[in-house]
C-alpha cells in the first residue's frame, strides 16, 4: 500500500498518541474507545510495514519510524487547517476560529481591549486567546495549534517569522513605602542584598532579569518565586520585597506600587507578532494583528 492510500483518521490517531504518549489519554481526546484507537494504530503500522510506537514500558515512545512520520503528520493537518481557514476567508471573516497565544504581561494589559474591538468588527469569528509561556507559543505555532502569537522577538525557532510591535524594559517594582521607592532610577548593582520576588525560571522575564543581575555581578537574593504576575504584584504590595517586571505589568494594578527604572544595564526586550514562516497568514490573523497595532499605537507603546 502506498502512503497516499492511508486514511486521515489513521494519521489523526497516530498524532494523538504521539502527542500524549498514552493510548488511553489519546482515546479520550479523540472521543473513541482505547481498543478502537489501538486497532487503528496497528492497522496503520501494518499498512506501512513499520512499528511506530515502542509499547514495552509503561510510557508509549515513538520508534525511529514514528519520529520520522511525526513532522509530516503534523504538516498534513496544519495544511488542512490552512485550507479550511482559506475557505472561511472567502466568506469575508463571517465565521471561523482564530487561536492566539500571548505572553503573560501583554495579555494582562492590552489584550482585553484588542479582543473586544476585533470581536465587535467580526462578530462571527470566535477568538481563543491563551496566556502561555514563550516556548509553548512557539511549539504550538509550529504544530498548527495556534494561528498567531504575541511573544518575544526574535523567535528561537527558525520556522517562525516575526513582526515587531514595541520594545519594553524591565523595571524595579516595589511598595510605595519601600526605602528605594522615591528614586527616579536604580543601578542594577544597587539590588545587591535586596530581597526579591521573581517569576519562576521558566519565564523569559525571569531569564532577562537574571541576565541583568549577572551582568551587574549581583547574586540575586530570591525570597519568593511565583508563576503569575498578579501574584508577584500582590506579594510586593504587602512586603518590602522588590520584583523585576516589564513596565506593562503595572497596567491597571498601580495602587500601592511604584516602578523605578533600571540602568547599568537597562534590561530591554522586543514584543512582536509571530506566525509560521512561509505560511499565508489568514485574514483573521491579519485583522487581529492590525487591531493589535492600532491599540498599541493609541496607548503609545510602539518603540517605547
Protein backbone atom coordinates (compact mmCIF):
# COMPACT_ATOMS: atom_id res chain seq x y z
CA UNK A 1 0.00 0.00 0.00
CA UNK A 2 1.29 3.47 -0.89
CA UNK A 3 1.31 6.32 1.58
CA UNK A 4 -1.31 8.18 -0.48
CA UNK A 5 -3.82 5.44 0.32
CA UNK A 6 -3.61 5.93 4.10
CA UNK A 7 -6.77 7.45 5.57
CA UNK A 8 -6.65 10.70 7.52
CA UNK A 9 -8.14 9.09 10.61
CA UNK A 10 -5.09 6.81 10.86
CA UNK A 11 -2.78 9.83 10.90
CA UNK A 12 -5.05 11.64 13.37
CA UNK A 13 -4.93 8.69 15.76
CA UNK A 14 -1.18 8.34 15.34
CA UNK A 15 -0.70 12.06 16.08
CA UNK A 16 -2.87 11.94 19.20
CA UNK A 17 -0.88 9.03 20.66
CA UNK A 18 2.42 10.68 19.74
CA UNK A 19 1.47 13.96 21.45
CA UNK A 20 0.02 12.40 24.62
CA UNK A 21 2.46 9.45 24.83
CA UNK A 22 -0.51 7.47 26.13
CA UNK A 23 -3.16 5.38 24.35
CA UNK A 24 -5.90 5.93 26.94
CA UNK A 25 -5.40 9.70 27.06
CA UNK A 26 -5.30 9.87 23.27
CA UNK A 27 -8.54 7.88 23.04
CA UNK A 28 -10.26 10.25 25.48
CA UNK A 29 -9.01 13.23 23.49
CA UNK A 30 -10.47 11.77 20.28
CA UNK A 31 -13.68 10.53 21.96
CA UNK A 32 -13.13 6.92 20.89
CA UNK A 33 -12.54 3.77 22.89
CA UNK A 34 -8.99 2.72 23.68
CA UNK A 35 -9.33 -0.66 21.83
CA UNK A 36 -10.59 1.16 18.73
CA UNK A 37 -7.64 3.56 18.83
CA UNK A 38 -5.12 0.75 19.36
CA UNK A 39 -6.55 -1.21 16.43
CA UNK A 40 -6.40 1.82 14.12
CA UNK A 41 -2.76 2.41 15.01
CA UNK A 42 -1.96 -1.27 14.43
CA UNK A 43 -3.71 -1.02 11.05
CA UNK A 44 -1.52 1.97 10.16
CA UNK A 45 1.63 0.12 11.21
CA UNK A 46 0.54 -2.87 9.13
CA UNK A 47 -0.08 -0.70 6.09
CA UNK A 48 3.34 0.93 6.42
CA UNK A 49 5.15 -2.27 7.38
CA UNK A 50 6.83 -0.41 10.24
CA UNK A 51 6.35 -0.19 14.00
CA UNK A 52 5.60 3.39 15.03
CA UNK A 53 5.48 3.03 18.82
CA UNK A 54 7.55 1.21 21.42
CA UNK A 55 4.99 -0.30 23.80
CA UNK A 56 7.38 -2.28 26.01
CA UNK A 57 7.30 0.06 29.01
CA UNK A 58 4.53 1.94 30.79
CA UNK A 59 5.14 5.03 28.66
CA UNK A 60 4.47 4.91 24.93
CA UNK A 61 7.50 6.07 22.95
CA UNK A 62 7.98 6.76 19.27
CA UNK A 63 10.25 4.44 17.32
CA UNK A 64 12.64 5.80 14.71
CA UNK A 65 9.90 5.34 12.11
CA UNK A 66 7.42 7.17 14.33
CA UNK A 67 9.82 10.07 14.81
CA UNK A 68 10.23 10.29 11.03
CA UNK A 69 6.47 10.29 10.43
CA UNK A 70 5.55 12.80 13.16
CA UNK A 71 6.53 16.11 11.45
CA UNK A 72 4.85 15.01 8.21
CA UNK A 73 1.63 14.10 10.02
CA UNK A 74 1.64 17.49 11.73
CA UNK A 75 2.20 19.21 8.40
CA UNK A 76 -0.76 17.39 6.85
CA UNK A 77 -3.19 18.63 9.48
CA UNK A 78 -1.69 22.11 9.54
CA UNK A 79 -2.27 22.36 5.79
CA UNK A 80 -5.82 21.10 6.20
CA UNK A 81 -6.42 23.79 8.82
CA UNK A 82 -4.99 26.39 6.46
CA UNK A 83 -7.27 25.15 3.69
CA UNK A 84 -10.30 25.42 5.97
CA UNK A 85 -9.15 28.88 7.01
CA UNK A 86 -8.79 29.94 3.38
CA UNK A 87 -12.37 28.84 2.69
CA UNK A 88 -13.55 30.73 5.75
CA UNK A 89 -11.78 33.84 4.46
CA UNK A 90 -13.87 33.69 1.28
CA UNK A 91 -16.87 34.30 3.49
CA UNK A 92 -15.36 37.64 4.45
CA UNK A 93 -14.44 36.83 8.06
CA UNK A 94 -18.06 35.98 8.78
CA UNK A 95 -17.23 32.86 10.73
CA UNK A 96 -14.31 30.74 11.84
CA UNK A 97 -11.89 30.31 14.73
CA UNK A 98 -8.76 32.34 15.49
CA UNK A 99 -6.32 30.86 18.01
CA UNK A 100 -3.83 33.28 19.59
CA UNK A 101 -1.12 32.57 22.17
CA UNK A 102 0.04 35.54 24.25
CA UNK A 103 2.80 36.11 26.80
CA UNK A 104 1.59 36.91 30.29
CA UNK A 105 2.38 40.61 30.72
CA UNK A 106 0.96 41.70 27.36
CA UNK A 107 -2.17 39.64 27.91
CA UNK A 108 -2.90 41.30 31.22
CA UNK A 109 -2.63 44.84 29.89
CA UNK A 110 -3.88 45.25 26.33
CA UNK A 111 -5.43 42.04 25.02
CA UNK A 112 -8.93 42.51 26.51
CA UNK A 113 -9.33 45.75 24.54
CA UNK A 114 -7.89 44.20 21.38
CA UNK A 115 -10.22 41.20 21.57
CA UNK A 116 -13.22 43.44 22.24
CA UNK A 117 -12.52 45.60 19.19
CA UNK A 118 -11.82 42.63 16.92
CA UNK A 119 -14.94 40.78 18.06
CA UNK A 120 -17.10 43.85 17.54
CA UNK A 121 -15.87 44.13 13.95
CA UNK A 122 -16.05 40.39 13.20
CA UNK A 123 -18.91 39.00 15.24
CA UNK A 124 -18.86 35.59 13.55
CA UNK A 125 -15.21 34.83 14.30
CA UNK A 126 -14.56 33.07 17.60
CA UNK A 127 -11.29 34.09 19.25
CA UNK A 128 -9.42 31.79 21.60
CA UNK A 129 -6.67 33.66 23.48
CA UNK A 130 -4.38 31.62 25.71
CA UNK A 131 -1.86 33.05 28.17
CA UNK A 132 1.24 30.93 27.58
CA UNK A 133 4.98 30.66 28.12
CA UNK A 134 7.14 31.60 25.13
CA UNK A 135 8.30 28.03 24.44
CA UNK A 136 4.69 26.81 24.36
CA UNK A 137 3.61 29.59 21.99
CA UNK A 138 6.38 28.75 19.56
CA UNK A 139 5.75 24.99 19.73
CA UNK A 140 2.01 25.41 19.17
CA UNK A 141 2.53 27.76 16.23
CA UNK A 142 4.82 25.19 14.66
CA UNK A 143 2.38 22.33 15.24
CA UNK A 144 -0.57 24.32 13.91
CA UNK A 145 -2.40 24.57 17.25
CA UNK A 146 -2.12 28.38 17.12
CA UNK A 147 -2.72 30.80 14.25
CA UNK A 148 -0.87 33.77 15.75
CA UNK A 149 1.43 34.50 18.66
CA UNK A 150 2.23 37.69 20.58
CA UNK A 151 5.61 36.95 22.09
CA UNK A 152 9.27 37.94 22.22
CA UNK A 153 11.47 38.55 19.20
CA UNK A 154 13.45 37.06 17.69
CA UNK A 155 11.78 33.63 17.91
CA UNK A 156 14.03 30.72 18.86
CA UNK A 157 12.61 28.51 16.10
CA UNK A 158 13.72 29.10 12.52
CA UNK A 159 10.32 28.00 11.25
CA UNK A 160 8.70 31.15 12.67
CA UNK A 161 8.51 34.68 11.28
CA UNK A 162 8.03 37.80 13.37
CA UNK A 163 6.95 41.43 13.16
CA UNK A 164 7.90 43.97 15.81
CA UNK A 165 5.16 45.63 17.86
CA UNK A 166 7.10 47.51 20.53
CA UNK A 167 10.06 47.36 22.91
CA UNK A 168 9.69 47.27 26.68
CA UNK A 169 12.10 47.43 29.58
CA UNK A 170 12.15 45.73 32.94
CA UNK A 171 11.63 47.98 35.95
CA UNK A 172 12.08 47.51 39.67
CA UNK A 173 8.63 47.21 41.24
CA UNK A 174 8.20 47.84 44.97
CA UNK A 175 5.69 49.05 47.55
CA UNK A 176 5.17 52.79 47.87
CA UNK A 177 6.69 52.79 51.35
CA UNK A 178 9.88 50.98 50.30
CA UNK A 179 13.08 52.88 51.12
CA UNK A 180 14.01 52.97 47.40
CA UNK A 181 10.56 53.94 46.12
CA UNK A 182 11.38 57.66 45.75
CA UNK A 183 14.34 57.02 43.46
CA UNK A 184 13.98 58.00 39.79
CA UNK A 185 16.26 55.18 38.70
CA UNK A 186 18.36 52.37 40.15
CA UNK A 187 21.59 50.85 39.02
CA UNK A 188 21.11 47.09 38.92
CA UNK A 189 24.13 46.74 41.21
CA UNK A 190 22.13 48.54 43.93
CA UNK A 191 19.86 45.49 44.12
CA UNK A 192 22.64 43.58 45.82
CA UNK A 193 21.38 42.26 49.17
CA UNK A 194 17.82 43.38 48.34
CA UNK A 195 15.30 40.53 48.83
CA UNK A 196 13.46 39.79 45.60
CA UNK A 197 10.17 38.28 44.44
CA UNK A 198 10.53 36.97 40.88
CA UNK A 199 8.73 34.89 38.32
CA UNK A 200 9.92 31.29 38.05
CA UNK A 201 12.90 30.47 35.86
CA UNK A 202 10.80 29.02 33.02
CA UNK A 203 9.63 32.52 32.06
CA UNK A 204 11.62 34.78 29.75
CA UNK A 205 11.00 37.72 32.08
CA UNK A 206 12.95 35.91 34.80
CA UNK A 207 15.70 34.97 32.37
CA UNK A 208 16.05 38.61 31.29
CA UNK A 209 16.16 39.70 34.95
CA UNK A 210 18.76 37.05 35.80
CA UNK A 211 20.87 38.19 32.85
CA UNK A 212 20.81 41.81 34.00
CA UNK A 213 21.72 40.83 37.57
CA UNK A 214 24.57 38.63 36.36
CA UNK A 215 25.87 41.41 34.11
CA UNK A 216 26.00 43.69 37.15
CA UNK A 217 27.69 40.95 39.21
CA UNK A 218 24.74 40.76 41.58
CA UNK A 219 23.92 37.45 43.20
CA UNK A 220 20.14 37.53 43.46
CA UNK A 221 18.58 37.05 46.90
CA UNK A 222 15.34 35.48 45.72
CA UNK A 223 12.90 35.08 48.62
CA UNK A 224 9.76 34.31 46.58
CA UNK A 225 9.13 32.67 43.20
CA UNK A 226 5.70 32.60 41.56
CA UNK A 227 4.14 31.70 38.21
CA UNK A 228 1.84 34.71 37.84
CA UNK A 229 2.46 38.43 37.56
CA UNK A 230 -0.65 39.16 39.62
CA UNK A 231 0.69 37.03 42.47
CA UNK A 232 4.06 38.77 42.36
CA UNK A 233 2.47 42.23 42.41
CA UNK A 234 0.22 41.39 45.35
CA UNK A 235 3.20 40.00 47.28
CA UNK A 236 5.35 43.06 46.59
CA UNK A 237 2.49 45.37 47.59
CA UNK A 238 2.26 43.69 51.00
CA UNK A 239 6.01 43.32 51.71
CA UNK A 240 9.36 45.03 51.35
CA UNK A 241 10.38 42.72 48.51
CA UNK A 242 11.36 44.07 45.09
CA UNK A 243 10.46 42.47 41.78
CA UNK A 244 11.86 42.94 38.29
CA UNK A 245 8.99 43.03 35.80
CA UNK A 246 8.07 44.64 32.48
CA UNK A 247 6.58 48.12 32.77
CA UNK A 248 3.34 46.73 31.29
CA UNK A 249 2.91 44.55 34.37
CA UNK A 250 1.62 47.51 36.38
CA UNK A 251 -1.15 48.24 33.90
CA UNK A 252 -4.32 48.85 35.95
CA UNK A 253 -2.56 47.50 39.07
CA UNK A 254 -0.56 50.53 40.17
CA UNK A 255 -2.27 51.09 43.54
CA UNK A 256 0.25 50.82 46.35
CA UNK A 257 3.13 50.14 43.95
CA UNK A 258 5.98 52.11 42.47
CA UNK A 259 8.03 51.35 39.35
CA UNK A 260 11.64 52.57 39.23
CA UNK A 261 13.69 52.45 36.02
CA UNK A 262 16.77 50.23 35.93
CA UNK A 263 20.12 51.23 34.41
CA UNK A 264 23.61 49.78 34.08
CA UNK A 265 22.37 47.64 32.43
CA UNK A 266 18.90 48.54 31.22
CA UNK A 267 17.07 45.24 30.52
CA UNK A 268 15.08 45.62 27.29
CA UNK A 269 13.25 43.16 25.06
CA UNK A 270 11.12 43.27 21.92
CA UNK A 271 7.48 42.17 21.72
CA UNK A 272 6.11 41.13 18.36
CA UNK A 273 3.68 39.06 16.32
CA UNK A 274 4.69 35.51 15.43
CA UNK A 275 3.42 33.12 12.77
CA UNK A 276 4.69 30.23 10.68
CA UNK A 277 7.40 31.18 8.19
CA UNK A 278 6.24 30.92 4.59
CA UNK A 279 2.59 30.32 5.52
CA UNK A 280 -0.12 32.59 4.22
CA UNK A 281 -1.34 34.46 7.24
CA UNK A 282 -5.11 34.13 7.44
CA UNK A 283 -7.21 37.24 7.07
CA UNK A 284 -8.47 36.73 10.61
CA UNK A 285 -4.89 36.70 11.93
CA UNK A 286 -4.02 39.73 9.82
CA UNK A 287 -7.11 41.53 11.07
CA UNK A 288 -6.22 40.73 14.67
CA UNK A 289 -2.69 41.98 14.03
CA UNK A 290 -3.99 45.28 12.64
CA UNK A 291 -6.24 45.82 15.67
CA UNK A 292 -3.29 44.99 17.95
CA UNK A 293 -1.10 47.58 16.24
CA UNK A 294 -3.86 50.19 16.43
CA UNK A 295 -4.48 49.69 20.16
CA UNK A 296 -0.76 49.76 20.95
CA UNK A 297 -0.30 52.94 18.91
CA UNK A 298 -3.15 54.59 20.78
CA UNK A 299 -1.54 53.65 24.08
CA UNK A 300 1.79 54.93 22.76
CA UNK A 301 3.52 51.60 23.35
CA UNK A 302 5.22 51.48 19.99
CA UNK A 303 9.01 51.72 20.40
CA UNK A 304 8.59 52.88 23.99
